[in-house]
């Protein structure tokens, strides 16, 4: 009997994955644990291993995106044929009863989203642009009736196989699964249920035709901002987002805001929209840290902590002293989180990634340095697991290596604060007898959510970090 090969759920927050590459040819024999394909989530790229042995039958193409649990292939016994319906069982479309100006033998047309756009994979859109093909004329054979790259190639090679574009219709039937549910991400369903919102009213994401959490939030905001119509129906038409101004010059190239860059853009924009963010700056004297680090270097042995490691250790202990900063805004109120998991921002060519140092308070400085070194290397090599990117309760972001003194970091949701770390510099100060001397200093920039706590608690928290940095021995205490 055929075994379904599904899009895995690699972490608590993973909702969907995009197929980047099939590592095994269609029809090849595979064994349990063999890497079969590589996928991209909104955070990492990861290889997916086979759960069993069998002959691989691929039911999805490169560039296609699927919800966790959707069927993307089958593992067959020798001589076994794949099931007749190879589309993901979690998202089978219901055909719309609409006249089509084609013959009775014409293939089924690709479905459309609520905004009338065709349900087309990103890769298929790219190929269509390159070949000059109108995707509205392409018959979709991919999962969920989606137009995939192979469909576009077929339409290019066989123009007779194309269909005539359907006439414009004032309304588009909602896309629903076989059990009558509107196609939507898990986060979108959760938010809609919380708000008591009918998902069939929310526009679909134009990329893959499903309702997303951002789409639900945007729809609610538009309803709140739009006055109720005085017409007979009393219905309210949600406002649409105004298009951005075109480029003022012919661009040398255009980089799509997708993948990691697109996720960062959405999260940071959402962070600034949904929180009341303020930033304060405070200088910390690091003479004691410099001396402690030099002593460790001379002694040798354990991994030498970097200056950022000292700051992370100080943040973890300050969070223990100020629990309100180690918090998260929930529907029930401000949740004070018992465990401290400090995240650190790591810059990559394609964007920023924030791995989590789990149970930061349980680590002394050498152990913390080992962890940050390991996570940084894994991030740059693309080897982080999703579990290493989830559960952070506070973030630290460093720009000191670029000569930056102070900046305004943006909070990484669902955290309520983030600390920016500037460069280590020499400041001239006057000694007790008026004699000038130098002090090693760095500027700390704390951004916090003013909904959760005010400026005075924020300053007290930052001052605790400064005080802890003046006593490196306290940073070795574990809890």
Protein backbone atom coordinates (compact mmCIF):
# COMPACT_ATOMS: atom_id res chain seq x y z
CA UNK A 1 0.00 0.00 0.00
CA UNK A 2 1.31 3.47 -0.90
CA UNK A 3 2.74 5.51 1.97
CA UNK A 4 2.10 9.25 1.87
CA UNK A 5 5.18 11.46 1.93
CA UNK A 6 4.06 14.68 3.62
CA UNK A 7 5.42 18.17 4.21
CA UNK A 8 6.88 17.78 7.72
CA UNK A 9 6.37 20.11 10.65
CA UNK A 10 9.92 20.83 11.81
CA UNK A 11 9.10 23.25 14.61
CA UNK A 12 6.31 24.66 16.72
CA UNK A 13 5.87 27.77 14.57
CA UNK A 14 6.30 26.16 11.15
CA UNK A 15 3.09 26.41 9.11
CA UNK A 16 4.29 25.67 5.60
CA UNK A 17 7.36 24.82 3.57
CA UNK A 18 8.57 25.47 0.04
CA UNK A 19 10.30 22.76 -1.97
CA UNK A 20 13.73 24.01 -3.00
CA UNK A 21 15.15 20.82 -4.50
CA UNK A 22 14.35 17.15 -4.86
CA UNK A 23 17.50 15.26 -3.91
CA UNK A 24 16.22 11.92 -5.28
CA UNK A 25 14.99 11.23 -8.80
CA UNK A 26 11.35 10.33 -9.36
CA UNK A 27 11.03 6.53 -9.38
CA UNK A 28 14.21 5.92 -7.37
CA UNK A 29 14.32 3.42 -4.52
CA UNK A 30 14.89 5.08 -1.16
CA UNK A 31 15.57 3.80 2.33
CA UNK A 32 14.48 5.09 5.76
CA UNK A 33 16.49 8.13 6.85
CA UNK A 34 17.65 9.01 3.33
CA UNK A 35 17.54 12.74 2.53
CA UNK A 36 14.85 13.06 -0.14
CA UNK A 37 14.32 16.78 -0.63
CA UNK A 38 15.34 20.19 0.66
CA UNK A 39 12.70 22.65 1.86
CA UNK A 40 12.64 26.28 2.95
CA UNK A 41 10.57 27.57 5.86
CA UNK A 42 10.27 31.21 6.86
CA UNK A 43 13.41 30.72 8.98
CA UNK A 44 15.72 28.01 7.67
CA UNK A 45 16.46 25.58 4.87
CA UNK A 46 16.43 21.93 5.87
CA UNK A 47 16.78 18.47 4.34
CA UNK A 48 13.79 16.15 4.75
CA UNK A 49 14.48 12.47 5.34
CA UNK A 50 12.33 9.55 4.25
CA UNK A 51 10.25 7.95 7.02
CA UNK A 52 10.19 4.57 5.26
CA UNK A 53 11.49 2.55 2.32
CA UNK A 54 9.91 2.46 -1.11
CA UNK A 55 9.89 3.76 -4.66
CA UNK A 56 9.54 7.54 -4.68
CA UNK A 57 6.68 9.08 -6.62
CA UNK A 58 6.91 12.87 -6.54
CA UNK A 59 3.57 14.69 -6.52
CA UNK A 60 4.91 18.25 -6.18
CA UNK A 61 7.40 20.43 -7.97
CA UNK A 62 10.30 22.68 -7.05
CA UNK A 63 9.08 26.10 -5.95
CA UNK A 64 5.73 24.85 -4.69
CA UNK A 65 4.63 25.72 -1.14
CA UNK A 66 2.52 23.45 1.06
CA UNK A 67 1.06 23.49 4.53
CA UNK A 68 2.54 21.08 7.07
CA UNK A 69 0.91 17.70 6.65
CA UNK A 70 0.09 18.14 2.96
CA UNK A 71 0.97 15.19 0.71
CA UNK A 72 3.89 15.97 -1.59
CA UNK A 73 4.67 12.44 -2.76
CA UNK A 74 4.26 8.70 -2.17
CA UNK A 75 6.45 5.75 -1.27
CA UNK A 76 5.37 2.78 -3.37
CA UNK A 77 6.07 -0.94 -3.33
CA UNK A 78 7.79 -2.53 -6.32
CA UNK A 79 5.34 -2.46 -9.23
CA UNK A 80 2.73 -0.48 -7.30
CA UNK A 81 1.01 2.44 -9.01
CA UNK A 82 0.52 5.79 -7.25
CA UNK A 83 -3.01 6.68 -6.10
CA UNK A 84 -5.15 8.28 -8.79
CA UNK A 85 -5.53 11.52 -6.77
CA UNK A 86 -2.05 12.74 -5.96
CA UNK A 87 -3.06 16.17 -4.78
CA UNK A 88 -2.57 17.03 -1.09
CA UNK A 89 -5.53 15.67 0.83
CA UNK A 90 -5.58 18.70 3.12
CA UNK A 91 -6.33 21.12 0.34
CA UNK A 92 -8.43 19.54 -2.37
CA UNK A 93 -10.39 22.27 -4.17
CA UNK A 94 -14.11 22.22 -4.77
CA UNK A 95 -14.83 22.93 -8.45
CA UNK A 96 -16.86 26.05 -9.08
CA UNK A 97 -20.04 25.70 -11.15
CA UNK A 98 -19.32 28.25 -13.84
CA UNK A 99 -19.64 28.08 -17.65
CA UNK A 100 -16.34 27.76 -19.49
CA UNK A 101 -15.98 28.72 -23.13
CA UNK A 102 -14.19 25.51 -24.15
CA UNK A 103 -15.16 22.12 -25.52
CA UNK A 104 -16.36 19.33 -23.29
CA UNK A 105 -12.96 17.66 -23.51
CA UNK A 106 -11.05 20.72 -22.29
CA UNK A 107 -8.99 20.11 -19.15
CA UNK A 108 -9.98 21.68 -15.85
CA UNK A 109 -8.82 25.22 -15.34
CA UNK A 110 -6.53 26.34 -12.57
CA UNK A 111 -8.38 27.73 -9.58
CA UNK A 112 -8.20 31.34 -8.48
CA UNK A 113 -7.93 33.18 -5.21
CA UNK A 114 -10.57 35.52 -3.82
CA UNK A 115 -8.90 38.47 -5.49
CA UNK A 116 -9.24 36.74 -8.87
CA UNK A 117 -5.56 35.88 -9.32
CA UNK A 118 -4.59 32.44 -10.58
CA UNK A 119 -3.33 29.87 -8.08
CA UNK A 120 0.25 29.72 -9.38
CA UNK A 121 3.54 28.72 -7.76
CA UNK A 122 6.26 31.41 -7.53
CA UNK A 123 8.56 29.32 -9.72
CA UNK A 124 5.85 28.97 -12.36
CA UNK A 125 5.35 32.76 -12.37
CA UNK A 126 9.06 33.26 -12.96
CA UNK A 127 9.18 30.75 -15.83
CA UNK A 128 6.03 32.30 -17.34
CA UNK A 129 7.64 35.75 -17.31
CA UNK A 130 10.79 34.40 -18.95
CA UNK A 131 8.84 32.60 -21.68
CA UNK A 132 6.21 35.31 -22.16
CA UNK A 133 3.34 33.00 -21.22
CA UNK A 134 0.05 34.25 -19.77
CA UNK A 135 -0.50 31.98 -16.74
CA UNK A 136 -4.24 32.53 -17.10
CA UNK A 137 -4.05 30.28 -20.21
CA UNK A 138 -2.10 27.51 -18.49
CA UNK A 139 -3.84 24.38 -17.17
CA UNK A 140 -2.68 23.59 -13.62
CA UNK A 141 -1.79 19.98 -12.84
CA UNK A 142 0.10 20.53 -9.60
CA UNK A 143 -1.15 19.90 -6.06
CA UNK A 144 -4.43 21.67 -5.31
CA UNK A 145 -4.84 22.38 -9.03
CA UNK A 146 -1.90 24.79 -8.86
CA UNK A 147 0.00 25.87 -11.97
CA UNK A 148 3.58 24.66 -11.56
CA UNK A 149 6.69 25.29 -13.66
CA UNK A 150 6.21 22.08 -15.67
CA UNK A 151 2.73 23.27 -16.74
CA UNK A 152 4.19 26.51 -18.07
CA UNK A 153 6.92 24.62 -19.96
CA UNK A 154 4.25 22.34 -21.47
CA UNK A 155 2.14 25.33 -22.51
CA UNK A 156 5.20 26.88 -24.16
CA UNK A 157 6.02 23.72 -26.09
CA UNK A 158 2.39 22.88 -26.94
CA UNK A 159 0.42 26.10 -27.58
CA UNK A 160 -2.61 24.02 -28.57
CA UNK A 161 -2.87 22.73 -25.02
CA UNK A 162 -3.57 26.18 -23.64
CA UNK A 163 -7.05 27.34 -22.72
CA UNK A 164 -8.71 30.63 -23.54
CA UNK A 165 -8.65 33.14 -20.67
CA UNK A 166 -11.93 33.03 -18.76
CA UNK A 167 -14.17 36.05 -18.92
CA UNK A 168 -13.91 38.39 -15.97
CA UNK A 169 -16.46 37.73 -13.27
CA UNK A 170 -17.64 40.21 -10.67
CA UNK A 171 -17.29 37.60 -7.94
CA UNK A 172 -14.92 34.70 -7.34
CA UNK A 173 -16.08 31.62 -5.43
CA UNK A 174 -14.15 30.99 -2.21
CA UNK A 175 -11.50 28.28 -2.36
CA UNK A 176 -12.50 25.49 -0.03
CA UNK A 177 -11.18 22.05 0.76
CA UNK A 178 -13.12 18.84 0.33
CA UNK A 179 -14.50 19.12 3.85
CA UNK A 180 -15.87 22.59 3.14
CA UNK A 181 -13.20 24.61 4.97
CA UNK A 182 -11.65 27.75 3.50
CA UNK A 183 -7.98 27.18 2.66
CA UNK A 184 -5.98 29.02 5.33
CA UNK A 185 -2.86 28.72 7.46
CA UNK A 186 -3.17 27.44 11.02
CA UNK A 187 -2.28 30.87 12.40
CA UNK A 188 -4.98 32.50 10.27
CA UNK A 189 -7.60 30.05 11.56
CA UNK A 190 -6.54 30.64 15.16
CA UNK A 191 -6.76 34.42 14.83
CA UNK A 192 -10.07 34.28 12.94
CA UNK A 193 -11.56 32.00 15.59
CA UNK A 194 -10.37 34.36 18.32
CA UNK A 195 -12.01 37.33 16.56
CA UNK A 196 -15.13 35.44 15.51
CA UNK A 197 -14.38 36.21 11.85
CA UNK A 198 -15.67 34.30 8.83
CA UNK A 199 -12.54 33.35 6.86
CA UNK A 200 -14.45 33.37 3.57
CA UNK A 201 -14.56 37.19 3.84
CA UNK A 202 -10.78 37.57 3.95
CA UNK A 203 -8.78 38.03 0.70
CA UNK A 204 -6.36 35.26 -0.11
CA UNK A 205 -2.58 35.74 -0.21
CA UNK A 206 -1.78 36.20 -3.92
CA UNK A 207 1.30 33.99 -3.68
CA UNK A 208 -0.32 30.67 -2.88
CA UNK A 209 -4.05 31.31 -2.64
CA UNK A 210 -4.49 30.72 1.09
CA UNK A 211 -5.66 33.07 3.82
CA UNK A 212 -2.74 34.06 6.07
CA UNK A 213 -2.60 35.53 9.57
CA UNK A 214 -1.35 38.82 8.11
CA UNK A 215 -4.31 38.78 5.73
CA UNK A 216 -6.76 38.35 8.61
CA UNK A 217 -5.11 41.18 10.56
CA UNK A 218 -5.10 43.46 7.51
CA UNK A 219 -8.76 42.72 6.81
CA UNK A 220 -9.76 43.54 10.41
CA UNK A 221 -7.74 46.76 10.35
CA UNK A 222 -9.38 47.80 7.09
CA UNK A 223 -12.85 47.13 8.49
CA UNK A 224 -12.09 49.19 11.58
CA UNK A 225 -10.74 52.04 9.48
CA UNK A 226 -13.55 52.07 6.92
CA UNK A 227 -16.90 53.68 7.76
CA UNK A 228 -19.97 51.48 7.36
CA UNK A 229 -21.70 51.94 4.00
CA UNK A 230 -25.08 53.63 4.04
CA UNK A 231 -26.24 51.58 1.08
CA UNK A 232 -29.16 49.19 1.16
CA UNK A 233 -27.00 46.18 1.95
CA UNK A 234 -25.12 47.97 4.73
CA UNK A 235 -21.97 46.08 3.70
CA UNK A 236 -18.54 47.54 4.18
CA UNK A 237 -15.96 47.34 1.44
CA UNK A 238 -12.49 46.86 2.90
CA UNK A 239 -9.91 49.32 1.69
CA UNK A 240 -7.08 47.98 -0.39
CA UNK A 241 -3.45 48.77 0.18
CA UNK A 242 -2.26 51.57 -2.08
CA UNK A 243 0.43 50.43 -4.53
CA UNK A 244 3.95 51.68 -3.93
CA UNK A 245 5.41 54.31 -6.20
CA UNK A 246 7.34 52.89 -9.17
CA UNK A 247 11.12 53.10 -9.27
CA UNK A 248 12.31 56.61 -10.12
CA UNK A 249 14.89 55.09 -12.48
CA UNK A 250 15.15 51.93 -14.52
CA UNK A 251 16.50 49.53 -11.91
CA UNK A 252 19.75 47.68 -12.56
CA UNK A 253 18.06 44.65 -11.01
CA UNK A 254 15.11 43.82 -8.76
CA UNK A 255 15.51 41.63 -5.69
CA UNK A 256 12.26 39.97 -4.62
CA UNK A 257 11.26 40.40 -0.99
CA UNK A 258 10.63 36.72 -0.48
CA UNK A 259 12.02 33.91 1.63
CA UNK A 260 14.03 35.13 4.62
CA UNK A 261 14.04 38.76 3.43
CA UNK A 262 10.28 38.74 3.01
CA UNK A 263 9.75 37.18 6.43
CA UNK A 264 12.01 39.77 8.08
CA UNK A 265 10.16 42.59 6.32
CA UNK A 266 6.75 41.31 7.46
CA UNK A 267 7.82 40.64 11.05
CA UNK A 268 9.58 43.96 11.54
CA UNK A 269 6.74 45.94 9.96
CA UNK A 270 4.24 44.05 12.10
CA UNK A 271 6.41 44.62 15.19
CA UNK A 272 6.43 48.39 14.71
CA UNK A 273 2.70 48.49 13.91
CA UNK A 274 1.53 46.41 16.86
CA UNK A 275 3.83 47.67 19.63
CA UNK A 276 4.50 51.03 21.27
CA UNK A 277 8.28 50.89 20.91
CA UNK A 278 10.68 53.32 22.58
CA UNK A 279 14.47 53.22 22.88
CA UNK A 280 16.88 54.49 25.55
CA UNK A 281 20.68 54.55 25.47
CA UNK A 282 23.04 53.95 28.39
CA UNK A 283 26.84 53.69 28.57
CA UNK A 284 28.52 50.77 30.31
CA UNK A 285 32.12 50.82 31.58
CA UNK A 286 33.89 47.64 30.51
CA UNK A 287 37.30 48.02 32.15
CA UNK A 288 36.48 45.13 34.48
CA UNK A 289 35.31 42.98 31.56
CA UNK A 290 38.47 43.75 29.57
CA UNK A 291 40.62 42.79 32.57
CA UNK A 292 38.65 39.57 33.15
CA UNK A 293 38.96 38.62 29.50
CA UNK A 294 42.71 39.25 29.48
CA UNK A 295 43.11 37.06 32.59
CA UNK A 296 41.15 34.26 30.91
CA UNK A 297 43.24 34.58 27.77
CA UNK A 298 46.47 34.33 29.78
CA UNK A 299 45.17 31.31 31.69
CA UNK A 300 44.07 29.49 28.52
CA UNK A 301 41.84 26.42 28.50
CA UNK A 302 38.12 27.05 28.09
CA UNK A 303 36.62 28.97 25.18
CA UNK A 304 37.38 32.68 25.55
CA UNK A 305 34.15 34.70 25.89
CA UNK A 306 33.66 37.61 23.51
CA UNK A 307 32.40 40.98 24.69
CA UNK A 308 28.91 40.13 23.42
CA UNK A 309 28.98 36.97 25.55
CA UNK A 310 29.51 39.12 28.66
CA UNK A 311 26.55 41.28 27.63
CA UNK A 312 24.30 38.26 27.00
CA UNK A 313 25.24 36.84 30.41
CA UNK A 314 24.46 40.19 32.05
CA UNK A 315 21.11 40.39 30.23
CA UNK A 316 20.09 36.91 31.42
CA UNK A 317 20.81 37.79 35.05
CA UNK A 318 19.11 41.18 34.73
CA UNK A 319 16.01 39.43 33.35
CA UNK A 320 15.95 37.34 36.52
CA UNK A 321 15.97 40.57 38.55
CA UNK A 322 13.30 42.24 36.37
CA UNK A 323 10.76 39.53 35.40
CA UNK A 324 8.45 41.95 33.58
CA UNK A 325 11.05 42.30 30.81
CA UNK A 326 11.06 38.52 30.31
CA UNK A 327 7.47 38.62 29.16
CA UNK A 328 5.03 38.30 26.30
CA UNK A 329 1.72 39.99 25.51
CA UNK A 330 -1.10 37.45 25.20
CA UNK A 331 -4.87 37.63 24.90
CA UNK A 332 -5.07 37.10 28.66
CA UNK A 333 -2.63 39.90 29.47
CA UNK A 334 1.11 40.20 30.13
CA UNK A 335 2.57 36.73 30.60
CA UNK A 336 5.68 36.67 32.82
CA UNK A 337 7.81 33.81 31.50
CA UNK A 338 9.64 31.68 34.09
CA UNK A 339 12.56 30.54 31.89
CA UNK A 340 15.16 32.85 30.35
CA UNK A 341 16.15 32.06 26.76
CA UNK A 342 18.22 34.90 25.27
CA UNK A 343 18.37 35.13 21.46
CA UNK A 344 21.29 36.62 19.58
CA UNK A 345 21.06 38.19 16.14
CA UNK A 346 23.42 36.77 13.50
CA UNK A 347 23.86 38.65 10.22
CA UNK A 348 23.79 36.62 7.01
CA UNK A 349 24.09 37.77 3.40
CA UNK A 350 20.35 37.21 2.86
CA UNK A 351 19.17 38.71 6.14
CA UNK A 352 19.19 38.37 9.90
CA UNK A 353 18.62 35.16 11.84
CA UNK A 354 18.13 34.92 15.61
CA UNK A 355 19.16 31.61 17.21
CA UNK A 356 18.22 30.99 20.84
CA UNK A 357 20.54 30.21 23.76
CA UNK A 358 18.24 27.92 25.71
CA UNK A 359 18.25 28.24 29.53
CA UNK A 360 20.83 31.00 29.40
CA UNK A 361 20.97 31.32 33.18
CA UNK A 362 22.29 27.76 33.51
CA UNK A 363 25.49 28.64 31.61
CA UNK A 364 28.67 30.16 33.00
CA UNK A 365 30.75 32.37 30.70
CA UNK A 366 32.87 29.62 29.05
CA UNK A 367 29.79 27.45 28.41
CA UNK A 368 27.90 30.46 27.07
CA UNK A 369 30.81 31.27 24.74
CA UNK A 370 30.72 27.68 23.45
CA UNK A 371 27.02 27.95 22.74
CA UNK A 372 27.18 31.32 20.95
CA UNK A 373 30.12 30.13 18.85
CA UNK A 374 28.30 26.95 17.87
CA UNK A 375 25.03 28.71 17.04
CA UNK A 376 26.78 31.44 15.02
CA UNK A 377 28.65 28.86 12.94
CA UNK A 378 25.52 26.79 12.39
CA UNK A 379 23.60 29.91 11.32
CA UNK A 380 26.21 30.90 8.74
CA UNK A 381 26.42 27.34 7.41
CA UNK A 382 22.63 26.98 7.22
CA UNK A 383 22.63 24.09 9.70
CA UNK A 384 20.37 25.48 12.41
CA UNK A 385 17.39 23.39 13.41
CA UNK A 386 14.01 25.10 13.76
CA UNK A 387 14.05 24.23 17.46
CA UNK A 388 17.15 26.44 17.80
CA UNK A 389 15.21 29.43 16.45
CA UNK A 390 12.14 29.17 18.66
CA UNK A 391 11.31 30.10 22.23
CA UNK A 392 13.52 33.17 22.71
CA UNK A 393 12.30 35.51 25.49
CA UNK A 394 14.69 38.44 24.92
CA UNK A 395 17.05 39.41 22.09
CA UNK A 396 20.52 40.92 21.80
CA UNK A 397 21.67 42.54 18.56
CA UNK A 398 25.24 43.75 17.99
CA UNK A 399 26.48 46.32 15.47
CA UNK A 400 29.64 47.27 17.32
CA UNK A 401 31.84 45.38 14.84
CA UNK A 402 30.75 47.94 12.21
CA UNK A 403 31.83 50.92 14.31
CA UNK A 404 28.30 51.75 15.45
CA UNK A 405 27.91 53.37 18.88
CA UNK A 406 24.15 53.37 19.39
CA UNK A 407 21.12 52.45 17.30
CA UNK A 408 17.42 51.65 17.56
CA UNK A 409 16.87 47.89 17.41
CA UNK A 410 13.38 46.63 16.53
CA UNK A 411 11.76 44.13 18.90
CA UNK A 412 11.57 40.54 17.69
CA UNK A 413 7.95 39.40 18.38
CA UNK A 414 6.67 38.02 20.66
CA UNK A 415 9.41 39.45 22.90
CA UNK A 416 8.74 42.75 24.68
CA UNK A 417 12.31 44.10 24.56
CA UNK A 418 15.63 43.91 22.72
CA UNK A 419 19.11 45.21 23.55
CA UNK A 420 21.41 46.76 20.95
CA UNK A 421 25.17 46.58 21.59
CA UNK A 422 27.55 49.23 20.25
CA UNK A 423 31.32 49.21 19.72
CA UNK A 424 33.90 49.09 22.48
CA UNK A 425 35.62 52.47 22.56
CA UNK A 426 38.03 54.55 24.66
CA UNK A 427 36.40 57.51 26.41
CA UNK A 428 38.43 60.23 28.11
CA UNK A 429 37.25 60.98 31.66
CA UNK A 430 38.55 63.06 34.56
CA UNK A 431 39.90 61.13 37.54
CA UNK A 432 39.38 61.95 41.19
CA UNK A 433 42.11 64.61 41.11
CA UNK A 434 41.10 66.04 37.77
CA UNK A 435 43.66 64.02 35.85
CA UNK A 436 42.43 62.81 32.46
CA UNK A 437 42.34 59.07 31.90
CA UNK A 438 40.63 56.65 29.52
CA UNK A 439 37.83 54.18 30.17
CA UNK A 440 36.66 51.28 27.97
CA UNK A 441 32.98 51.88 27.24
CA UNK A 442 30.15 50.73 25.03
CA UNK A 443 26.65 52.08 24.47
CA UNK A 444 23.70 49.83 25.18
CA UNK A 445 20.43 50.62 23.35
CA UNK A 446 17.31 49.14 24.92
CA UNK A 447 14.06 49.10 22.91
CA UNK A 448 10.97 48.07 24.90
CA UNK A 449 7.23 47.79 24.42
CA UNK A 450 5.68 50.69 26.35
CA UNK A 451 2.42 48.75 26.59
CA UNK A 452 4.13 46.31 28.95
CA UNK A 453 6.31 48.55 31.12
CA UNK A 454 7.29 52.19 31.33
CA UNK A 455 10.49 54.19 31.01
CA UNK A 456 11.56 53.95 34.67
CA UNK A 457 11.48 50.10 34.78
CA UNK A 458 13.24 50.05 31.40
CA UNK A 459 16.02 52.29 32.74
CA UNK A 460 16.31 50.18 35.92
CA UNK A 461 16.66 47.02 33.84
CA UNK A 462 19.34 48.57 31.65
CA UNK A 463 21.15 49.89 34.75
CA UNK A 464 21.20 46.36 36.16
CA UNK A 465 22.98 45.19 32.99
CA UNK A 466 25.53 47.99 33.41
CA UNK A 467 26.11 47.07 37.06
CA UNK A 468 26.55 43.39 36.25
CA UNK A 469 29.13 44.22 33.58
CA UNK A 470 31.19 45.99 36.24
CA UNK A 471 31.43 42.70 38.17
CA UNK A 472 32.32 39.87 35.74
CA UNK A 473 32.56 37.33 38.57
CA UNK A 474 28.78 37.64 39.01
CA UNK A 475 28.29 36.55 35.41
CA UNK A 476 29.65 33.06 36.21
CA UNK A 477 26.85 32.39 38.70
CA UNK A 478 24.39 29.84 37.32
CA UNK A 479 20.75 29.26 38.23
